[in-house]
Amino acid sequence: MALTKNITLKSLDGEAFEVEEAVAVKSQMIKHMIEDNCADNRVPLPNATNKILAEVIKYCKKHVDANCIDEKPSEDELTAWEADFVKVD
């Protein structure tokens, strides 16, 4: 069993979210920060509040999980989930 590397994402509000690297790099901005050596395992995100960062992580995790399970959701199912996800009250 391979060990997974964790990345800590720090929001504007100072809250730290620890996530697997595979989840973090689903965000192109975070991926580039890591690749460009702007951050190692702690990534400051001064423009993201706790609430927004939690939602970004949720979205990225959904896509990582969708690629890891044996029965992958269809493209239509994932699109429907995304459409529901972005609804804002």
PDB file of N, CA and C in Angstrom:
ATOM      1  N   MET A   1       0.841  -1.180   0.000  1.00  0.00           N
ATOM      2  CA  MET A   1       0.000   0.000   0.000  1.00  0.00           C
ATOM      3  C   MET A   1       0.887   1.244   0.000  1.00  0.00           C
ATOM      4  N   ALA A   2       0.679   2.113  -0.966  1.00  0.00           N
ATOM      5  CA  ALA A   2       1.479   3.326  -1.088  1.00  0.00           C
ATOM      6  C   ALA A   2       0.999   4.383  -0.101  1.00  0.00           C
ATOM      7  N   LEU A   3       1.966   5.100   0.425  1.00  0.00           N
ATOM      8  CA  LEU A   3       1.624   6.206   1.311  1.00  0.00           C
ATOM      9  C   LEU A   3       1.218   7.398   0.460  1.00  0.00           C
ATOM     10  N   THR A   4       0.202   8.106   0.922  1.00  0.00           N
ATOM     11  CA  THR A   4      -0.225   9.292   0.196  1.00  0.00           C
ATOM     12  C   THR A   4       0.354  10.529   0.867  1.00  0.00           C
ATOM     13  N   LYS A   5       0.768  11.465   0.054  1.00  0.00           N
ATOM     14  CA  LYS A   5       1.306  12.720   0.569  1.00  0.00           C
ATOM     15  C   LYS A   5       0.145  13.659   0.848  1.00  0.00           C
ATOM     16  N   ASN A   6       0.192  14.321   1.981  1.00  0.00           N
ATOM     17  CA  ASN A   6      -0.836  15.294   2.334  1.00  0.00           C
ATOM     18  C   ASN A   6      -0.322  16.708   2.125  1.00  0.00           C
ATOM     19  N   ILE A   7      -1.244  17.570   1.768  1.00  0.00           N
ATOM     20  CA  ILE A   7      -0.972  18.988   1.564  1.00  0.00           C
ATOM     21  C   ILE A   7      -1.898  19.756   2.506  1.00  0.00           C
ATOM     22  N   THR A   8      -1.381  20.794   3.133  1.00  0.00           N
ATOM     23  CA  THR A   8      -2.202  21.640   3.990  1.00  0.00           C
ATOM     24  C   THR A   8      -2.519  22.926   3.239  1.00  0.00           C
ATOM     25  N   LEU A   9      -3.807  23.178   3.088  1.00  0.00           N
ATOM     26  CA  LEU A   9      -4.276  24.393   2.429  1.00  0.00           C
ATOM     27  C   LEU A   9      -4.743  25.358   3.510  1.00  0.00           C
ATOM     28  N   LYS A  10      -4.235  26.574   3.484  1.00  0.00           N
ATOM     29  CA  LYS A  10      -4.575  27.550   4.520  1.00  0.00           C
ATOM     30  C   LYS A  10      -5.411  28.670   3.910  1.00  0.00           C
ATOM     31  N   SER A  11      -6.598  28.867   4.472  1.00  0.00           N
ATOM     32  CA  SER A  11      -7.542  29.853   3.941  1.00  0.00           C
ATOM     33  C   SER A  11      -7.218  31.269   4.409  1.00  0.00           C
ATOM     34  N   LEU A  12      -7.924  32.219   3.829  1.00  0.00           N
ATOM     35  CA  LEU A  12      -7.851  33.627   4.213  1.00  0.00           C
ATOM     36  C   LEU A  12      -8.111  33.801   5.706  1.00  0.00           C
ATOM     37  N   ASP A  13      -9.045  33.008   6.237  1.00  0.00           N
ATOM     38  CA  ASP A  13      -9.433  33.093   7.643  1.00  0.00           C
ATOM     39  C   ASP A  13      -8.449  32.400   8.577  1.00  0.00           C
ATOM     40  N   GLY A  14      -7.404  31.788   8.013  1.00  0.00           N
ATOM     41  CA  GLY A  14      -6.391  31.133   8.828  1.00  0.00           C
ATOM     42  C   GLY A  14      -6.658  29.673   9.124  1.00  0.00           C
ATOM     43  N   GLU A  15      -7.765  29.137   8.631  1.00  0.00           N
ATOM     44  CA  GLU A  15      -8.070  27.728   8.880  1.00  0.00           C
ATOM     45  C   GLU A  15      -7.238  26.855   7.949  1.00  0.00           C
ATOM     46  N   ALA A  16      -6.717  25.763   8.503  1.00  0.00           N
ATOM     47  CA  ALA A  16      -5.909  24.826   7.727  1.00  0.00           C
ATOM     48  C   ALA A  16      -6.736  23.594   7.387  1.00  0.00           C
ATOM     49  N   PHE A  17      -6.688  23.206   6.123  1.00  0.00           N
ATOM     50  CA  PHE A  17      -7.379  22.018   5.632  1.00  0.00           C
ATOM     51  C   PHE A  17      -6.313  21.046   5.137  1.00  0.00           C
ATOM     52  N   GLU A  18      -6.254  19.863   5.722  1.00  0.00           N
ATOM     53  CA  GLU A  18      -5.290  18.868   5.272  1.00  0.00           C
ATOM     54  C   GLU A  18      -5.981  17.926   4.292  1.00  0.00           C
ATOM     55  N   VAL A  19      -5.424  17.840   3.090  1.00  0.00           N
ATOM     56  CA  VAL A  19      -6.007  16.999   2.045  1.00  0.00           C
ATOM     57  C   VAL A  19      -4.902  16.193   1.371  1.00  0.00           C
ATOM     58  N   GLU A  20      -5.302  15.111   0.714  1.00  0.00           N
ATOM     59  CA  GLU A  20      -4.344  14.330  -0.051  1.00  0.00           C
ATOM     60  C   GLU A  20      -3.857  15.167  -1.232  1.00  0.00           C
ATOM     61  N   GLU A  21      -2.613  14.966  -1.604  1.00  0.00           N
ATOM     62  CA  GLU A  21      -2.041  15.721  -2.716  1.00  0.00           C
ATOM     63  C   GLU A  21      -2.860  15.538  -3.994  1.00  0.00           C
ATOM     64  N   ALA A  22      -3.369  14.336  -4.236  1.00  0.00           N
ATOM     65  CA  ALA A  22      -4.176  14.073  -5.438  1.00  0.00           C
ATOM     66  C   ALA A  22      -5.404  14.970  -5.486  1.00  0.00           C
ATOM     67  N   VAL A  23      -5.967  15.269  -4.323  1.00  0.00           N
ATOM     68  CA  VAL A  23      -7.130  16.160  -4.251  1.00  0.00           C
ATOM     69  C   VAL A  23      -6.682  17.601  -4.499  1.00  0.00           C
ATOM     70  N   ALA A  24      -5.617  18.018  -3.843  1.00  0.00           N
ATOM     71  CA  ALA A  24      -5.142  19.402  -3.960  1.00  0.00           C
ATOM     72  C   ALA A  24      -4.778  19.761  -5.395  1.00  0.00           C
ATOM     73  N   VAL A  25      -4.126  18.849  -6.112  1.00  0.00           N
ATOM     74  CA  VAL A  25      -3.648  19.185  -7.457  1.00  0.00           C
ATOM     75  C   VAL A  25      -4.745  19.126  -8.517  1.00  0.00           C
ATOM     76  N   LYS A  26      -5.966  18.786  -8.135  1.00  0.00           N
ATOM     77  CA  LYS A  26      -7.096  18.925  -9.061  1.00  0.00           C
ATOM     78  C   LYS A  26      -7.345  20.403  -9.346  1.00  0.00           C
ATOM     79  N   SER A  27      -6.926  21.262  -8.418  1.00  0.00           N
ATOM     80  CA  SER A  27      -6.971  22.705  -8.643  1.00  0.00           C
ATOM     81  C   SER A  27      -5.698  23.076  -9.399  1.00  0.00           C
ATOM     82  N   GLN A  28      -5.853  23.600 -10.600  1.00  0.00           N
ATOM     83  CA  GLN A  28      -4.690  23.960 -11.412  1.00  0.00           C
ATOM     84  C   GLN A  28      -3.824  25.013 -10.721  1.00  0.00           C
ATOM     85  N   MET A  29      -4.439  25.954 -10.018  1.00  0.00           N
ATOM     86  CA  MET A  29      -3.673  26.982  -9.327  1.00  0.00           C
ATOM     87  C   MET A  29      -2.769  26.357  -8.265  1.00  0.00           C
ATOM     88  N   ILE A  30      -3.327  25.461  -7.465  1.00  0.00           N
ATOM     89  CA  ILE A  30      -2.541  24.809  -6.413  1.00  0.00           C
ATOM     90  C   ILE A  30      -1.477  23.920  -7.039  1.00  0.00           C
ATOM     91  N   LYS A  31      -1.846  23.206  -8.079  1.00  0.00           N
ATOM     92  CA  LYS A  31      -0.894  22.333  -8.779  1.00  0.00           C
ATOM     93  C   LYS A  31       0.306  23.142  -9.257  1.00  0.00           C
ATOM     94  N   HIS A  32       0.056  24.298  -9.878  1.00  0.00           N
ATOM     95  CA  HIS A  32       1.149  25.132 -10.385  1.00  0.00           C
ATOM     96  C   HIS A  32       1.993  25.697  -9.248  1.00  0.00           C
ATOM     97  N   MET A  33       1.368  26.056  -8.142  1.00  0.00           N
ATOM     98  CA  MET A  33       2.127  26.562  -6.991  1.00  0.00           C
ATOM     99  C   MET A  33       3.096  25.498  -6.490  1.00  0.00           C
ATOM    100  N   ILE A  34       2.641  24.248  -6.445  1.00  0.00           N
ATOM    101  CA  ILE A  34       3.495  23.152  -5.984  1.00  0.00           C
ATOM    102  C   ILE A  34       4.590  22.876  -7.014  1.00  0.00           C
ATOM    103  N   GLU A  35       4.222  22.800  -8.294  1.00  0.00           N
ATOM    104  CA  GLU A  35       5.197  22.530  -9.357  1.00  0.00           C
ATOM    105  C   GLU A  35       6.251  23.620  -9.467  1.00  0.00           C
ATOM    106  N   ASP A  36       5.865  24.866  -9.230  1.00  0.00           N
ATOM    107  CA  ASP A  36       6.792  25.995  -9.340  1.00  0.00           C
ATOM    108  C   ASP A  36       7.564  26.248  -8.049  1.00  0.00           C
ATOM    109  N   ASN A  37       7.442  25.318  -7.106  1.00  0.00           N
ATOM    110  CA  ASN A  37       8.118  25.416  -5.812  1.00  0.00           C
ATOM    111  C   ASN A  37       7.731  26.660  -5.028  1.00  0.00           C
ATOM    112  N   CYS A  38       6.519  27.158  -5.267  1.00  0.00           N
ATOM    113  CA  CYS A  38       6.010  28.288  -4.486  1.00  0.00           C
ATOM    114  C   CYS A  38       5.476  27.792  -3.150  1.00  0.00           C
ATOM    115  N   ALA A  39       5.241  26.503  -3.074  1.00  0.00           N
ATOM    116  CA  ALA A  39       4.720  25.897  -1.849  1.00  0.00           C
ATOM    117  C   ALA A  39       5.139  24.440  -1.848  1.00  0.00           C
ATOM    118  N   ASP A  40       5.336  23.893  -0.667  1.00  0.00           N
ATOM    119  CA  ASP A  40       5.655  22.470  -0.603  1.00  0.00           C
ATOM    120  C   ASP A  40       4.438  21.725  -0.086  1.00  0.00           C
ATOM    121  N   ASN A  41       4.365  21.532   1.214  1.00  0.00           N
ATOM    122  CA  ASN A  41       3.187  20.837   1.745  1.00  0.00           C
ATOM    123  C   ASN A  41       2.229  21.784   2.465  1.00  0.00           C
ATOM    124  N   ARG A  42       2.532  23.094   2.472  1.00  0.00           N
ATOM    125  CA  ARG A  42       1.634  24.108   3.039  1.00  0.00           C
ATOM    126  C   ARG A  42       1.390  25.162   1.967  1.00  0.00           C
ATOM    127  N   VAL A  43       0.134  25.295   1.576  1.00  0.00           N
ATOM    128  CA  VAL A  43      -0.209  26.224   0.503  1.00  0.00           C
ATOM    129  C   VAL A  43      -1.124  27.311   1.055  1.00  0.00           C
ATOM    130  N   PRO A  44      -0.635  28.552   1.135  1.00  0.00           N
ATOM    131  CA  PRO A  44      -1.489  29.650   1.592  1.00  0.00           C
ATOM    132  C   PRO A  44      -2.407  30.104   0.459  1.00  0.00           C
ATOM    133  N   LEU A  45      -3.673  30.252   0.771  1.00  0.00           N
ATOM    134  CA  LEU A  45      -4.659  30.709  -0.215  1.00  0.00           C
ATOM    135  C   LEU A  45      -5.360  31.946   0.344  1.00  0.00           C
ATOM    136  N   PRO A  46      -4.699  33.099   0.274  1.00  0.00           N
ATOM    137  CA  PRO A  46      -5.199  34.309   0.922  1.00  0.00           C
ATOM    138  C   PRO A  46      -6.471  34.893   0.317  1.00  0.00           C
ATOM    139  N   ASN A  47      -6.930  34.372  -0.805  1.00  0.00           N
ATOM    140  CA  ASN A  47      -8.162  34.882  -1.411  1.00  0.00           C
ATOM    141  C   ASN A  47      -9.343  33.948  -1.219  1.00  0.00           C
ATOM    142  N   ALA A  48      -9.151  32.852  -0.500  1.00  0.00           N
ATOM    143  CA  ALA A  48     -10.225  31.867  -0.310  1.00  0.00           C
ATOM    144  C   ALA A  48     -10.642  31.823   1.159  1.00  0.00           C
ATOM    145  N   THR A  49     -11.915  32.091   1.408  1.00  0.00           N
ATOM    146  CA  THR A  49     -12.437  31.980   2.773  1.00  0.00           C
ATOM    147  C   THR A  49     -12.580  30.509   3.137  1.00  0.00           C
ATOM    148  N   ASN A  50     -12.806  30.240   4.424  1.00  0.00           N
ATOM    149  CA  ASN A  50     -13.020  28.860   4.882  1.00  0.00           C
ATOM    150  C   ASN A  50     -14.125  28.188   4.086  1.00  0.00           C
ATOM    151  N   LYS A  51     -15.240  28.893   3.941  1.00  0.00           N
ATOM    152  CA  LYS A  51     -16.410  28.319   3.271  1.00  0.00           C
ATOM    153  C   LYS A  51     -16.108  27.980   1.814  1.00  0.00           C
ATOM    154  N   ILE A  52     -15.487  28.899   1.106  1.00  0.00           N
ATOM    155  CA  ILE A  52     -15.170  28.672  -0.307  1.00  0.00           C
ATOM    156  C   ILE A  52     -14.142  27.558  -0.454  1.00  0.00           C
ATOM    157  N   LEU A  53     -13.108  27.574   0.369  1.00  0.00           N
ATOM    158  CA  LEU A  53     -12.075  26.541   0.279  1.00  0.00           C
ATOM    159  C   LEU A  53     -12.650  25.161   0.576  1.00  0.00           C
ATOM    160  N   ALA A  54     -13.544  25.073   1.538  1.00  0.00           N
ATOM    161  CA  ALA A  54     -14.188  23.791   1.847  1.00  0.00           C
ATOM    162  C   ALA A  54     -14.965  23.280   0.637  1.00  0.00           C
ATOM    163  N   GLU A  55     -15.628  24.171  -0.086  1.00  0.00           N
ATOM    164  CA  GLU A  55     -16.380  23.771  -1.281  1.00  0.00           C
ATOM    165  C   GLU A  55     -15.444  23.357  -2.416  1.00  0.00           C
ATOM    166  N   VAL A  56     -14.343  24.066  -2.579  1.00  0.00           N
ATOM    167  CA  VAL A  56     -13.358  23.700  -3.604  1.00  0.00           C
ATOM    168  C   VAL A  56     -12.808  22.303  -3.318  1.00  0.00           C
ATOM    169  N   ILE A  57     -12.493  22.042  -2.061  1.00  0.00           N
ATOM    170  CA  ILE A  57     -11.975  20.728  -1.672  1.00  0.00           C
ATOM    171  C   ILE A  57     -13.019  19.649  -1.942  1.00  0.00           C
ATOM    172  N   LYS A  58     -14.260  19.931  -1.605  1.00  0.00           N
ATOM    173  CA  LYS A  58     -15.351  18.978  -1.846  1.00  0.00           C
ATOM    174  C   LYS A  58     -15.441  18.639  -3.337  1.00  0.00           C
ATOM    175  N   TYR A  59     -15.368  19.650  -4.183  1.00  0.00           N
ATOM    176  CA  TYR A  59     -15.439  19.460  -5.632  1.00  0.00           C
ATOM    177  C   TYR A  59     -14.258  18.616  -6.128  1.00  0.00           C
ATOM    178  N   CYS A  60     -13.059  18.972  -5.700  1.00  0.00           N
ATOM    179  CA  CYS A  60     -11.863  18.240  -6.134  1.00  0.00           C
ATOM    180  C   CYS A  60     -11.899  16.794  -5.659  1.00  0.00           C
ATOM    181  N   LYS A  61     -12.330  16.590  -4.417  1.00  0.00           N
ATOM    182  CA  LYS A  61     -12.403  15.235  -3.865  1.00  0.00           C
ATOM    183  C   LYS A  61     -13.400  14.386  -4.644  1.00  0.00           C
ATOM    184  N   LYS A  62     -14.515  14.959  -5.031  1.00  0.00           N
ATOM    185  CA  LYS A  62     -15.517  14.227  -5.815  1.00  0.00           C
ATOM    186  C   LYS A  62     -14.901  13.713  -7.112  1.00  0.00           C
ATOM    187  N   HIS A  63     -14.107  14.540  -7.755  1.00  0.00           N
ATOM    188  CA  HIS A  63     -13.495  14.141  -9.020  1.00  0.00           C
ATOM    189  C   HIS A  63     -12.382  13.115  -8.823  1.00  0.00           C
ATOM    190  N   VAL A  64     -11.630  13.212  -7.754  1.00  0.00           N
ATOM    191  CA  VAL A  64     -10.615  12.194  -7.461  1.00  0.00           C
ATOM    192  C   VAL A  64     -11.299  10.869  -7.159  1.00  0.00           C
ATOM    193  N   ASP A  65     -12.324  10.914  -6.322  1.00  0.00           N
ATOM    194  CA  ASP A  65     -13.053   9.688  -5.966  1.00  0.00           C
ATOM    195  C   ASP A  65     -13.703   9.052  -7.188  1.00  0.00           C
ATOM    196  N   ALA A  66     -14.210   9.864  -8.092  1.00  0.00           N
ATOM    197  CA  ALA A  66     -14.867   9.339  -9.295  1.00  0.00           C
ATOM    198  C   ALA A  66     -13.883   8.568 -10.167  1.00  0.00           C
ATOM    199  N   ASN A  67     -12.618   8.949 -10.126  1.00  0.00           N
ATOM    200  CA  ASN A  67     -11.600   8.259 -10.919  1.00  0.00           C
ATOM    201  C   ASN A  67     -11.037   7.031 -10.223  1.00  0.00           C
ATOM    202  N   CYS A  68     -11.299   6.868  -8.929  1.00  0.00           N
ATOM    203  CA  CYS A  68     -10.703   5.780  -8.160  1.00  0.00           C
ATOM    204  C   CYS A  68     -11.627   4.590  -7.947  1.00  0.00           C
ATOM    205  N   ILE A  69     -12.906   4.781  -8.091  1.00  0.00           N
ATOM    206  CA  ILE A  69     -13.826   3.688  -7.787  1.00  0.00           C
ATOM    207  C   ILE A  69     -13.968   2.757  -8.984  1.00  0.00           C
ATOM    208  N   ASP A  70     -14.315   1.499  -8.690  1.00  0.00           N
ATOM    209  CA  ASP A  70     -14.452   0.494  -9.743  1.00  0.00           C
ATOM    210  C   ASP A  70     -15.559   0.844 -10.722  1.00  0.00           C
ATOM    211  N   GLU A  71     -16.708   1.243 -10.192  1.00  0.00           N
ATOM    212  CA  GLU A  71     -17.825   1.625 -11.057  1.00  0.00           C
ATOM    213  C   GLU A  71     -17.872   3.143 -11.134  1.00  0.00           C
ATOM    214  N   LYS A  72     -17.198   3.667 -12.114  1.00  0.00           N
ATOM    215  CA  LYS A  72     -17.134   5.120 -12.266  1.00  0.00           C
ATOM    216  C   LYS A  72     -18.498   5.665 -12.658  1.00  0.00           C
ATOM    217  N   PRO A  73     -18.835   6.837 -12.124  1.00  0.00           N
ATOM    218  CA  PRO A  73     -20.107   7.450 -12.541  1.00  0.00           C
ATOM    219  C   PRO A  73     -20.019   7.827 -14.018  1.00  0.00           C
ATOM    220  N   SER A  74     -21.149   7.793 -14.682  1.00  0.00           N
ATOM    221  CA  SER A  74     -21.163   8.192 -16.091  1.00  0.00           C
ATOM    222  C   SER A  74     -20.897   9.693 -16.180  1.00  0.00           C
ATOM    223  N   GLU A  75     -20.546  10.121 -17.360  1.00  0.00           N
ATOM    224  CA  GLU A  75     -20.306  11.552 -17.578  1.00  0.00           C
ATOM    225  C   GLU A  75     -21.564  12.358 -17.262  1.00  0.00           C
ATOM    226  N   ASP A  76     -22.732  11.798 -17.602  1.00  0.00           N
ATOM    227  CA  ASP A  76     -23.999  12.481 -17.313  1.00  0.00           C
ATOM    228  C   ASP A  76     -24.234  12.606 -15.812  1.00  0.00           C
ATOM    229  N   GLU A  77     -23.893  11.552 -15.059  1.00  0.00           N
ATOM    230  CA  GLU A  77     -24.071  11.599 -13.598  1.00  0.00           C
ATOM    231  C   GLU A  77     -23.160  12.651 -12.984  1.00  0.00           C
ATOM    232  N   LEU A  78     -21.925  12.698 -13.447  1.00  0.00           N
ATOM    233  CA  LEU A  78     -20.977  13.679 -12.918  1.00  0.00           C
ATOM    234  C   LEU A  78     -21.402  15.097 -13.308  1.00  0.00           C
ATOM    235  N   THR A  79     -21.879  15.271 -14.519  1.00  0.00           N
ATOM    236  CA  THR A  79     -22.359  16.581 -14.961  1.00  0.00           C
ATOM    237  C   THR A  79     -23.570  17.020 -14.140  1.00  0.00           C
ATOM    238  N   ALA A  80     -24.473  16.085 -13.854  1.00  0.00           N
ATOM    239  CA  ALA A  80     -25.647  16.398 -13.026  1.00  0.00           C
ATOM    240  C   ALA A  80     -25.205  16.790 -11.619  1.00  0.00           C
ATOM    241  N   TRP A  81     -24.219  16.060 -11.072  1.00  0.00           N
ATOM    242  CA  TRP A  81     -23.704  16.390  -9.735  1.00  0.00           C
ATOM    243  C   TRP A  81     -23.099  17.792  -9.752  1.00  0.00           C
ATOM    244  N   GLU A  82     -22.320  18.102 -10.785  1.00  0.00           N
ATOM    245  CA  GLU A  82     -21.699  19.423 -10.890  1.00  0.00           C
ATOM    246  C   GLU A  82     -22.751  20.527 -11.000  1.00  0.00           C
ATOM    247  N   ALA A  83     -23.787  20.293 -11.788  1.00  0.00           N
ATOM    248  CA  ALA A  83     -24.849  21.293 -11.947  1.00  0.00           C
ATOM    249  C   ALA A  83     -25.529  21.569 -10.613  1.00  0.00           C
ATOM    250  N   ASP A  84     -25.773  20.520  -9.852  1.00  0.00           N
ATOM    251  CA  ASP A  84     -26.384  20.680  -8.535  1.00  0.00           C
ATOM    252  C   ASP A  84     -25.415  21.360  -7.568  1.00  0.00           C
ATOM    253  N   PHE A  85     -24.143  21.025  -7.671  1.00  0.00           N
ATOM    254  CA  PHE A  85     -23.113  21.562  -6.789  1.00  0.00           C
ATOM    255  C   PHE A  85     -22.990  23.077  -6.910  1.00  0.00           C
ATOM    256  N   VAL A  86     -23.081  23.593  -8.125  1.00  0.00           N
ATOM    257  CA  VAL A  86     -22.859  25.029  -8.326  1.00  0.00           C
ATOM    258  C   VAL A  86     -24.088  25.889  -8.091  1.00  0.00           C
ATOM    259  N   LYS A  87     -25.203  25.277  -7.772  1.00  0.00           N
ATOM    260  CA  LYS A  87     -26.395  26.067  -7.449  1.00  0.00           C
ATOM    261  C   LYS A  87     -26.136  26.860  -6.179  1.00  0.00           C
ATOM    262  N   VAL A  88     -26.398  28.142  -6.247  1.00  0.00           N
ATOM    263  CA  VAL A  88     -26.172  29.022  -5.103  1.00  0.00           C
ATOM    264  C   VAL A  88     -27.511  29.605  -4.680  1.00  0.00           C
ATOM    265  N   ASP A  89     -27.779  29.515  -3.386  1.00  0.00           N
ATOM    266  CA  ASP A  89     -29.032  30.076  -2.862  1.00  0.00           C
ATOM    267  C   ASP A  89     -28.929  31.573  -2.704  1.00  0.00           C
TER     268      ASP A  89
END
